[in-house]
């Protein structure tokens, strides 16, 4: 669980990153800080209805969706930010949080790619580097487990074939 806390550490990043001029975003941030992520998401969505190009509204909506465990929706918001912004640091954190969202959805290959994109945007993003390593280890463990399962299934199939052969001979 310690690793997971490190992975999630930067999710709240956006609530202090951007200057919040929009009242909807300010209200959303208050809701977010109070732990009411559904109300926060609603406020951020309202802010985006007013200004669909709002990086802060999109980033904060992604954070609120993540906190509601709507990981795939959150990943989409973070990808939108990465595509909208030219700011390399913001782009890096957007990809980082996209990677976190995909990792929570067990989309390991996609999360690895998102962390790589975060590092391409900002090679000094140590959190993305750490999470990339973590996601790669998870993928390796998953592949080893799948390989072990395949071997067990092969063995079971051989055993069944041997049993059929013995029954025919008997």
N, C-alpha and C. Protein backbone atom coordinates (compact mmCIF):
# COMPACT_ATOMS: atom_id res chain seq x y z
N UNK A 1 0.83 -1.19 0.00
CA UNK A 1 0.00 0.00 0.00
C UNK A 1 0.87 1.25 0.00
N UNK A 2 2.08 1.13 0.53
CA UNK A 2 2.99 2.26 0.54
C UNK A 2 3.29 2.73 -0.88
N UNK A 3 3.45 1.80 -1.79
CA UNK A 3 3.73 2.13 -3.18
C UNK A 3 2.55 2.88 -3.76
N UNK A 4 1.34 2.42 -3.48
CA UNK A 4 0.15 3.06 -4.01
C UNK A 4 0.05 4.50 -3.54
N UNK A 5 0.39 4.77 -2.26
CA UNK A 5 0.33 6.15 -1.80
C UNK A 5 1.30 7.01 -2.57
N UNK A 6 2.47 6.47 -2.90
CA UNK A 6 3.42 7.26 -3.68
C UNK A 6 2.89 7.50 -5.07
N UNK A 7 2.22 6.52 -5.62
CA UNK A 7 1.65 6.67 -6.95
C UNK A 7 0.59 7.77 -6.93
N UNK A 8 -0.22 7.81 -5.89
CA UNK A 8 -1.32 8.76 -5.84
C UNK A 8 -0.91 10.12 -5.29
N UNK A 9 0.29 10.24 -4.81
CA UNK A 9 0.76 11.46 -4.16
C UNK A 9 0.54 12.70 -5.00
N UNK A 10 0.76 12.59 -6.29
CA UNK A 10 0.70 13.77 -7.14
C UNK A 10 -0.66 14.02 -7.76
N UNK A 11 -1.65 13.21 -7.46
CA UNK A 11 -2.97 13.41 -8.04
C UNK A 11 -3.55 14.76 -7.61
N UNK A 12 -3.37 15.18 -6.39
CA UNK A 12 -3.90 16.45 -5.92
C UNK A 12 -3.11 17.65 -6.38
N UNK A 13 -2.12 17.43 -7.18
CA UNK A 13 -1.19 18.44 -7.68
C UNK A 13 -1.89 19.67 -8.24
N UNK A 14 -2.94 19.47 -8.99
CA UNK A 14 -3.52 20.58 -9.72
C UNK A 14 -4.27 21.57 -8.84
N UNK A 15 -4.70 21.16 -7.66
CA UNK A 15 -5.49 22.08 -6.86
C UNK A 15 -4.68 23.29 -6.43
N UNK A 16 -3.36 23.18 -6.42
CA UNK A 16 -2.55 24.35 -6.08
C UNK A 16 -1.70 24.82 -7.25
N UNK A 17 -1.65 24.07 -8.33
CA UNK A 17 -0.78 24.41 -9.46
C UNK A 17 -1.24 25.64 -10.20
N UNK A 18 -2.51 25.76 -10.43
CA UNK A 18 -3.02 26.82 -11.29
C UNK A 18 -3.68 27.93 -10.48
N UNK A 19 -3.59 29.13 -11.00
CA UNK A 19 -4.32 30.24 -10.39
C UNK A 19 -5.79 30.07 -10.75
N UNK A 20 -6.63 29.96 -9.74
CA UNK A 20 -8.05 29.73 -9.99
C UNK A 20 -8.80 31.06 -10.03
N UNK A 21 -9.16 31.49 -11.23
CA UNK A 21 -9.90 32.74 -11.39
C UNK A 21 -11.38 32.45 -11.52
N UNK A 22 -11.72 31.32 -11.97
CA UNK A 22 -13.10 30.96 -12.23
C UNK A 22 -13.77 30.50 -10.93
N UNK A 23 -14.91 31.10 -10.61
CA UNK A 23 -15.62 30.76 -9.37
C UNK A 23 -15.98 29.28 -9.29
N UNK A 24 -16.35 28.68 -10.43
CA UNK A 24 -16.69 27.25 -10.44
C UNK A 24 -15.48 26.41 -10.03
N UNK A 25 -14.33 26.80 -10.50
CA UNK A 25 -13.12 26.06 -10.14
C UNK A 25 -12.80 26.24 -8.66
N UNK A 26 -12.98 27.45 -8.16
CA UNK A 26 -12.73 27.71 -6.73
C UNK A 26 -13.69 26.88 -5.89
N UNK A 27 -14.98 26.86 -6.27
CA UNK A 27 -15.96 26.05 -5.54
C UNK A 27 -15.60 24.57 -5.64
N UNK A 28 -15.20 24.15 -6.84
CA UNK A 28 -14.79 22.75 -7.02
C UNK A 28 -13.60 22.40 -6.14
N UNK A 29 -12.65 23.32 -6.04
CA UNK A 29 -11.49 23.06 -5.19
C UNK A 29 -11.89 22.94 -3.73
N UNK A 30 -12.85 23.78 -3.29
CA UNK A 30 -13.34 23.67 -1.92
C UNK A 30 -13.98 22.30 -1.68
N UNK A 31 -14.82 21.88 -2.65
CA UNK A 31 -15.44 20.55 -2.54
C UNK A 31 -14.39 19.45 -2.52
N UNK A 32 -13.41 19.58 -3.40
CA UNK A 32 -12.34 18.58 -3.50
C UNK A 32 -11.60 18.47 -2.17
N UNK A 33 -11.23 19.63 -1.61
CA UNK A 33 -10.49 19.63 -0.34
C UNK A 33 -11.32 19.11 0.81
N UNK A 34 -12.66 19.22 0.70
CA UNK A 34 -13.56 18.66 1.72
C UNK A 34 -13.84 17.18 1.49
N UNK A 35 -13.32 16.64 0.38
CA UNK A 35 -13.52 15.22 0.10
C UNK A 35 -14.80 14.93 -0.66
N UNK A 36 -15.51 15.96 -1.11
CA UNK A 36 -16.74 15.76 -1.88
C UNK A 36 -16.37 15.81 -3.36
N UNK A 37 -15.85 14.69 -3.85
CA UNK A 37 -15.30 14.64 -5.20
C UNK A 37 -16.38 14.70 -6.28
N UNK A 38 -17.58 14.22 -5.94
CA UNK A 38 -18.68 14.28 -6.91
C UNK A 38 -19.09 15.74 -7.15
N UNK A 39 -19.25 16.50 -6.07
CA UNK A 39 -19.60 17.92 -6.20
C UNK A 39 -18.46 18.68 -6.88
N UNK A 40 -17.23 18.32 -6.55
CA UNK A 40 -16.08 18.96 -7.19
C UNK A 40 -16.11 18.73 -8.69
N UNK A 41 -16.35 17.49 -9.08
CA UNK A 41 -16.40 17.16 -10.51
C UNK A 41 -17.50 17.95 -11.21
N UNK A 42 -18.63 18.10 -10.55
CA UNK A 42 -19.74 18.86 -11.11
C UNK A 42 -19.34 20.33 -11.33
N UNK A 43 -18.67 20.92 -10.33
CA UNK A 43 -18.22 22.30 -10.47
C UNK A 43 -17.18 22.44 -11.57
N UNK A 44 -16.26 21.49 -11.65
CA UNK A 44 -15.24 21.56 -12.71
C UNK A 44 -15.88 21.40 -14.08
N UNK A 45 -16.88 20.53 -14.17
CA UNK A 45 -17.58 20.36 -15.44
C UNK A 45 -18.30 21.65 -15.83
N UNK A 46 -18.90 22.32 -14.85
CA UNK A 46 -19.56 23.60 -15.12
C UNK A 46 -18.54 24.63 -15.60
N UNK A 47 -17.37 24.63 -15.00
CA UNK A 47 -16.31 25.55 -15.44
C UNK A 47 -15.92 25.25 -16.88
N UNK A 48 -15.86 23.97 -17.22
CA UNK A 48 -15.51 23.58 -18.60
C UNK A 48 -16.63 23.92 -19.58
N UNK A 49 -17.86 23.93 -19.10
CA UNK A 49 -18.97 24.35 -19.97
C UNK A 49 -18.83 25.83 -20.33
N UNK A 50 -18.26 26.61 -19.40
CA UNK A 50 -18.02 28.03 -19.64
C UNK A 50 -16.78 28.24 -20.51
N UNK A 51 -15.77 27.41 -20.30
CA UNK A 51 -14.51 27.55 -21.04
C UNK A 51 -13.92 26.16 -21.26
N UNK A 52 -14.25 25.55 -22.39
CA UNK A 52 -13.83 24.17 -22.64
C UNK A 52 -12.33 24.02 -22.82
N UNK A 53 -11.61 25.13 -22.97
CA UNK A 53 -10.15 25.08 -23.12
C UNK A 53 -9.42 25.28 -21.79
N UNK A 54 -10.15 25.30 -20.70
CA UNK A 54 -9.56 25.53 -19.39
C UNK A 54 -8.70 24.33 -18.97
N UNK A 55 -7.41 24.57 -18.92
CA UNK A 55 -6.49 23.51 -18.48
C UNK A 55 -6.77 23.15 -17.03
N UNK A 56 -6.95 24.21 -16.18
CA UNK A 56 -7.17 23.92 -14.76
C UNK A 56 -8.47 23.18 -14.53
N UNK A 57 -9.52 23.55 -15.26
CA UNK A 57 -10.79 22.84 -15.11
C UNK A 57 -10.68 21.38 -15.53
N UNK A 58 -9.98 21.14 -16.63
CA UNK A 58 -9.81 19.77 -17.13
C UNK A 58 -8.95 18.95 -16.17
N UNK A 59 -7.86 19.55 -15.70
CA UNK A 59 -6.95 18.85 -14.79
C UNK A 59 -7.67 18.48 -13.50
N UNK A 60 -8.39 19.47 -12.95
CA UNK A 60 -9.08 19.23 -11.69
C UNK A 60 -10.22 18.23 -11.85
N UNK A 61 -10.90 18.28 -13.00
CA UNK A 61 -11.95 17.29 -13.26
C UNK A 61 -11.33 15.89 -13.29
N UNK A 62 -10.18 15.76 -13.94
CA UNK A 62 -9.49 14.47 -13.97
C UNK A 62 -9.17 13.98 -12.57
N UNK A 63 -8.69 14.89 -11.73
CA UNK A 63 -8.38 14.53 -10.33
C UNK A 63 -9.63 14.06 -9.58
N UNK A 64 -10.72 14.82 -9.75
CA UNK A 64 -11.96 14.47 -9.04
C UNK A 64 -12.51 13.13 -9.53
N UNK A 65 -12.43 12.88 -10.83
CA UNK A 65 -12.88 11.59 -11.37
C UNK A 65 -12.02 10.45 -10.82
N UNK A 66 -10.71 10.69 -10.74
CA UNK A 66 -9.80 9.68 -10.20
C UNK A 66 -10.20 9.34 -8.77
N UNK A 67 -10.47 10.37 -7.98
CA UNK A 67 -10.84 10.15 -6.57
C UNK A 67 -12.16 9.40 -6.44
N UNK A 68 -13.00 9.47 -7.47
CA UNK A 68 -14.25 8.71 -7.47
C UNK A 68 -14.06 7.31 -8.04
N UNK A 69 -12.82 6.98 -8.35
CA UNK A 69 -12.45 5.69 -8.93
C UNK A 69 -13.02 5.51 -10.34
N UNK A 70 -13.22 6.62 -11.02
CA UNK A 70 -13.65 6.60 -12.43
C UNK A 70 -12.38 6.77 -13.26
N UNK A 71 -11.55 5.74 -13.22
CA UNK A 71 -10.20 5.84 -13.73
C UNK A 71 -10.13 6.06 -15.24
N UNK A 72 -10.98 5.39 -15.98
CA UNK A 72 -10.92 5.54 -17.43
C UNK A 72 -11.36 6.93 -17.86
N UNK A 73 -12.37 7.47 -17.19
CA UNK A 73 -12.81 8.84 -17.48
C UNK A 73 -11.70 9.83 -17.11
N UNK A 74 -11.04 9.58 -15.98
CA UNK A 74 -9.95 10.46 -15.55
C UNK A 74 -8.82 10.43 -16.56
N UNK A 75 -8.49 9.23 -17.04
CA UNK A 75 -7.40 9.10 -18.02
C UNK A 75 -7.69 9.93 -19.27
N UNK A 76 -8.93 9.96 -19.68
CA UNK A 76 -9.31 10.75 -20.86
C UNK A 76 -9.08 12.24 -20.60
N UNK A 77 -9.45 12.70 -19.40
CA UNK A 77 -9.25 14.12 -19.08
C UNK A 77 -7.76 14.47 -19.10
N UNK A 78 -6.94 13.60 -18.51
CA UNK A 78 -5.50 13.88 -18.48
C UNK A 78 -4.90 13.86 -19.89
N UNK A 79 -5.40 12.96 -20.73
CA UNK A 79 -4.92 12.94 -22.11
C UNK A 79 -5.31 14.23 -22.83
N UNK A 80 -6.52 14.71 -22.56
CA UNK A 80 -6.97 15.98 -23.15
C UNK A 80 -6.03 17.12 -22.78
N UNK A 81 -5.61 17.16 -21.53
CA UNK A 81 -4.70 18.21 -21.08
C UNK A 81 -3.38 18.10 -21.83
N UNK A 82 -2.85 16.91 -21.88
CA UNK A 82 -1.56 16.70 -22.54
C UNK A 82 -1.62 17.16 -24.00
N UNK A 83 -2.77 16.96 -24.63
CA UNK A 83 -2.94 17.38 -26.02
C UNK A 83 -3.16 18.88 -26.16
N UNK A 84 -3.70 19.53 -25.12
CA UNK A 84 -4.02 20.95 -25.17
C UNK A 84 -2.83 21.86 -24.87
N UNK A 85 -1.97 21.42 -23.96
CA UNK A 85 -0.96 22.34 -23.42
C UNK A 85 0.37 22.21 -24.14
N UNK A 86 1.07 23.32 -24.18
CA UNK A 86 2.44 23.33 -24.69
C UNK A 86 3.43 23.37 -23.53
N UNK A 87 2.93 23.64 -22.31
CA UNK A 87 3.77 23.70 -21.13
C UNK A 87 4.26 22.29 -20.79
N UNK A 88 5.57 22.09 -20.86
CA UNK A 88 6.14 20.75 -20.70
C UNK A 88 5.89 20.17 -19.31
N UNK A 89 5.94 21.00 -18.28
CA UNK A 89 5.70 20.49 -16.92
C UNK A 89 4.25 20.05 -16.75
N UNK A 90 3.33 20.87 -17.21
CA UNK A 90 1.91 20.51 -17.14
C UNK A 90 1.65 19.25 -17.96
N UNK A 91 2.22 19.18 -19.15
CA UNK A 91 2.07 18.01 -20.02
C UNK A 91 2.61 16.76 -19.31
N UNK A 92 3.76 16.90 -18.65
CA UNK A 92 4.36 15.78 -17.95
C UNK A 92 3.45 15.28 -16.82
N UNK A 93 2.88 16.21 -16.03
CA UNK A 93 2.01 15.79 -14.93
C UNK A 93 0.69 15.23 -15.46
N UNK A 94 0.23 15.75 -16.58
CA UNK A 94 -0.99 15.20 -17.17
C UNK A 94 -0.76 13.74 -17.58
N UNK A 95 0.35 13.49 -18.26
CA UNK A 95 0.67 12.10 -18.64
C UNK A 95 0.91 11.23 -17.40
N UNK A 96 1.56 11.80 -16.41
CA UNK A 96 1.81 11.06 -15.17
C UNK A 96 0.48 10.60 -14.55
N UNK A 97 -0.46 11.55 -14.43
CA UNK A 97 -1.75 11.20 -13.84
C UNK A 97 -2.57 10.29 -14.74
N UNK A 98 -2.39 10.44 -16.06
CA UNK A 98 -3.03 9.50 -16.98
C UNK A 98 -2.48 8.10 -16.71
N UNK A 99 -1.17 8.01 -16.54
CA UNK A 99 -0.55 6.71 -16.23
C UNK A 99 -1.11 6.12 -14.94
N UNK A 100 -1.29 6.97 -13.92
CA UNK A 100 -1.86 6.49 -12.65
C UNK A 100 -3.28 5.95 -12.86
N UNK A 101 -4.06 6.68 -13.66
CA UNK A 101 -5.44 6.26 -13.92
C UNK A 101 -5.47 4.93 -14.67
N UNK A 102 -4.62 4.80 -15.66
CA UNK A 102 -4.56 3.56 -16.44
C UNK A 102 -4.04 2.40 -15.60
N UNK A 103 -3.09 2.69 -14.73
CA UNK A 103 -2.56 1.66 -13.84
C UNK A 103 -3.67 1.14 -12.92
N UNK A 104 -4.49 2.04 -12.40
CA UNK A 104 -5.59 1.62 -11.54
C UNK A 104 -6.62 0.80 -12.31
N UNK A 105 -6.71 1.02 -13.62
CA UNK A 105 -7.62 0.26 -14.48
C UNK A 105 -6.99 -1.04 -14.96
N UNK A 106 -5.79 -1.34 -14.46
CA UNK A 106 -5.05 -2.54 -14.85
C UNK A 106 -4.68 -2.54 -16.33
N UNK A 107 -4.56 -1.37 -16.91
CA UNK A 107 -4.11 -1.24 -18.30
C UNK A 107 -2.61 -0.94 -18.25
N UNK A 108 -1.85 -1.98 -18.00
CA UNK A 108 -0.43 -1.82 -17.71
C UNK A 108 0.35 -1.29 -18.90
N UNK A 109 0.10 -1.84 -20.07
CA UNK A 109 0.85 -1.40 -21.26
C UNK A 109 0.62 0.08 -21.53
N UNK A 110 -0.65 0.50 -21.44
CA UNK A 110 -0.99 1.90 -21.68
C UNK A 110 -0.41 2.81 -20.60
N UNK A 111 -0.42 2.34 -19.35
CA UNK A 111 0.14 3.16 -18.27
C UNK A 111 1.65 3.34 -18.46
N UNK A 112 2.31 2.29 -18.90
CA UNK A 112 3.75 2.38 -19.16
C UNK A 112 4.02 3.44 -20.23
N UNK A 113 3.22 3.43 -21.27
CA UNK A 113 3.39 4.42 -22.34
C UNK A 113 3.12 5.84 -21.83
N UNK A 114 2.12 6.00 -20.98
CA UNK A 114 1.81 7.33 -20.42
C UNK A 114 2.98 7.84 -19.57
N UNK A 115 3.56 6.96 -18.75
CA UNK A 115 4.71 7.37 -17.93
C UNK A 115 5.90 7.73 -18.82
N UNK A 116 6.09 6.99 -19.90
CA UNK A 116 7.16 7.33 -20.84
C UNK A 116 6.92 8.70 -21.45
N UNK A 117 5.67 8.99 -21.79
CA UNK A 117 5.33 10.30 -22.34
C UNK A 117 5.59 11.40 -21.31
N UNK A 118 5.30 11.11 -20.05
CA UNK A 118 5.57 12.08 -18.98
C UNK A 118 7.06 12.40 -18.93
N UNK A 119 7.87 11.37 -19.06
CA UNK A 119 9.32 11.57 -19.01
C UNK A 119 9.84 12.24 -20.27
N UNK A 120 9.21 11.99 -21.40
CA UNK A 120 9.61 12.69 -22.64
C UNK A 120 9.35 14.19 -22.50
N UNK A 121 8.23 14.54 -21.86
CA UNK A 121 7.88 15.95 -21.67
C UNK A 121 8.78 16.61 -20.62
N UNK A 122 9.13 15.84 -19.58
CA UNK A 122 9.98 16.37 -18.52
C UNK A 122 10.83 15.23 -17.96
N UNK A 123 12.06 15.08 -18.45
CA UNK A 123 12.92 13.99 -18.00
C UNK A 123 13.26 14.04 -16.51
N UNK A 124 12.97 15.14 -15.85
CA UNK A 124 13.26 15.26 -14.41
C UNK A 124 12.09 14.86 -13.53
N UNK A 125 11.03 14.35 -14.11
CA UNK A 125 9.85 13.95 -13.35
C UNK A 125 10.14 12.60 -12.69
N UNK A 126 10.67 12.67 -11.47
CA UNK A 126 11.07 11.45 -10.75
C UNK A 126 9.87 10.58 -10.37
N UNK A 127 8.73 11.19 -10.11
CA UNK A 127 7.54 10.40 -9.78
C UNK A 127 7.13 9.54 -10.98
N UNK A 128 7.20 10.11 -12.18
CA UNK A 128 6.87 9.34 -13.38
C UNK A 128 7.89 8.23 -13.59
N UNK A 129 9.16 8.52 -13.32
CA UNK A 129 10.21 7.50 -13.46
C UNK A 129 9.96 6.34 -12.49
N UNK A 130 9.62 6.67 -11.25
CA UNK A 130 9.34 5.65 -10.24
C UNK A 130 8.12 4.82 -10.65
N UNK A 131 7.05 5.50 -11.08
CA UNK A 131 5.83 4.79 -11.45
C UNK A 131 6.01 3.96 -12.71
N UNK A 132 6.86 4.42 -13.62
CA UNK A 132 7.18 3.64 -14.81
C UNK A 132 7.83 2.33 -14.39
N UNK A 133 8.78 2.42 -13.49
CA UNK A 133 9.45 1.22 -12.99
C UNK A 133 8.45 0.28 -12.31
N UNK A 134 7.58 0.86 -11.49
CA UNK A 134 6.56 0.08 -10.78
C UNK A 134 5.64 -0.63 -11.78
N UNK A 135 5.17 0.10 -12.80
CA UNK A 135 4.25 -0.48 -13.79
C UNK A 135 4.94 -1.58 -14.59
N UNK A 136 6.22 -1.39 -14.91
CA UNK A 136 6.97 -2.42 -15.63
C UNK A 136 7.09 -3.69 -14.78
N UNK A 137 7.34 -3.52 -13.49
CA UNK A 137 7.42 -4.69 -12.60
C UNK A 137 6.08 -5.41 -12.53
N UNK A 138 5.00 -4.64 -12.44
CA UNK A 138 3.67 -5.25 -12.41
C UNK A 138 3.41 -6.03 -13.70
N UNK A 139 3.79 -5.46 -14.82
CA UNK A 139 3.60 -6.13 -16.12
C UNK A 139 4.41 -7.43 -16.18
N UNK A 140 5.64 -7.36 -15.69
CA UNK A 140 6.49 -8.55 -15.68
C UNK A 140 5.87 -9.63 -14.79
N UNK A 141 5.38 -9.26 -13.63
CA UNK A 141 4.74 -10.23 -12.74
C UNK A 141 3.50 -10.83 -13.40
N UNK A 142 2.73 -10.00 -14.08
CA UNK A 142 1.54 -10.47 -14.77
C UNK A 142 1.91 -11.48 -15.86
N UNK A 143 2.96 -11.16 -16.63
CA UNK A 143 3.40 -12.06 -17.69
C UNK A 143 3.91 -13.38 -17.12
N UNK A 144 4.64 -13.31 -16.01
CA UNK A 144 5.13 -14.54 -15.37
C UNK A 144 3.97 -15.39 -14.87
N UNK A 145 2.96 -14.74 -14.31
CA UNK A 145 1.79 -15.46 -13.81
C UNK A 145 1.03 -16.10 -14.97
N UNK A 146 0.90 -15.39 -16.07
CA UNK A 146 0.21 -15.94 -17.24
C UNK A 146 0.99 -17.13 -17.82
N UNK A 147 2.31 -17.00 -17.84
CA UNK A 147 3.16 -18.09 -18.33
C UNK A 147 3.00 -19.33 -17.45
N UNK A 148 2.96 -19.12 -16.15
CA UNK A 148 2.80 -20.22 -15.20
C UNK A 148 1.44 -20.89 -15.41
N UNK A 149 0.41 -20.08 -15.63
CA UNK A 149 -0.92 -20.62 -15.88
C UNK A 149 -0.94 -21.45 -17.16
N UNK A 150 -0.29 -20.94 -18.20
CA UNK A 150 -0.23 -21.68 -19.47
C UNK A 150 0.47 -23.02 -19.28
N UNK A 151 1.55 -23.03 -18.51
CA UNK A 151 2.28 -24.27 -18.25
C UNK A 151 1.40 -25.25 -17.49
N UNK A 152 0.65 -24.74 -16.51
CA UNK A 152 -0.24 -25.62 -15.74
C UNK A 152 -1.34 -26.19 -16.63
N UNK A 153 -1.87 -25.37 -17.53
CA UNK A 153 -2.91 -25.85 -18.44
C UNK A 153 -2.34 -26.90 -19.39
N UNK A 154 -1.12 -26.66 -19.89
CA UNK A 154 -0.48 -27.65 -20.77
C UNK A 154 -0.30 -28.97 -20.04
N UNK A 155 0.14 -28.89 -18.78
CA UNK A 155 0.35 -30.11 -17.98
C UNK A 155 -0.97 -30.84 -17.77
N UNK A 156 -2.03 -30.10 -17.45
CA UNK A 156 -3.34 -30.71 -17.25
C UNK A 156 -3.82 -31.38 -18.53
N UNK A 157 -3.62 -30.73 -19.66
CA UNK A 157 -4.04 -31.32 -20.94
C UNK A 157 -3.26 -32.60 -21.23
N UNK A 158 -1.97 -32.62 -20.95
CA UNK A 158 -1.17 -33.82 -21.15
C UNK A 158 -1.64 -34.94 -20.23
N UNK A 159 -1.91 -34.60 -18.97
CA UNK A 159 -2.39 -35.59 -18.02
C UNK A 159 -3.71 -36.19 -18.48
N UNK A 160 -4.59 -35.35 -19.01
CA UNK A 160 -5.88 -35.85 -19.50
C UNK A 160 -5.68 -36.77 -20.70
N UNK A 161 -4.76 -36.40 -21.59
CA UNK A 161 -4.48 -37.25 -22.74
C UNK A 161 -3.91 -38.59 -22.29
N UNK A 162 -3.01 -38.59 -21.33
CA UNK A 162 -2.43 -39.83 -20.81
C UNK A 162 -3.50 -40.69 -20.17
N UNK A 163 -4.41 -40.08 -19.47
CA UNK A 163 -5.50 -40.84 -18.83
C UNK A 163 -6.40 -41.48 -19.88
N UNK A 164 -6.67 -40.75 -20.98
CA UNK A 164 -7.48 -41.31 -22.07
C UNK A 164 -6.77 -42.49 -22.69
N UNK A 165 -5.45 -42.36 -22.92
CA UNK A 165 -4.67 -43.45 -23.52
C UNK A 165 -4.68 -44.67 -22.61
N UNK A 166 -4.55 -44.45 -21.30
CA UNK A 166 -4.54 -45.58 -20.36
C UNK A 166 -5.88 -46.28 -20.34
N UNK A 167 -6.96 -45.50 -20.45
CA UNK A 167 -8.31 -46.10 -20.46
C UNK A 167 -8.54 -46.93 -21.71
N UNK A 168 -8.00 -46.50 -22.83
CA UNK A 168 -8.14 -47.25 -24.07
C UNK A 168 -7.38 -48.58 -23.99
N UNK A 169 -6.21 -48.53 -23.37
CA UNK A 169 -5.37 -49.73 -23.26
C UNK A 169 -5.98 -50.72 -22.27
N UNK A 170 -6.70 -50.20 -21.30
CA UNK A 170 -7.17 -51.05 -20.22
C UNK A 170 -8.37 -51.78 -20.55
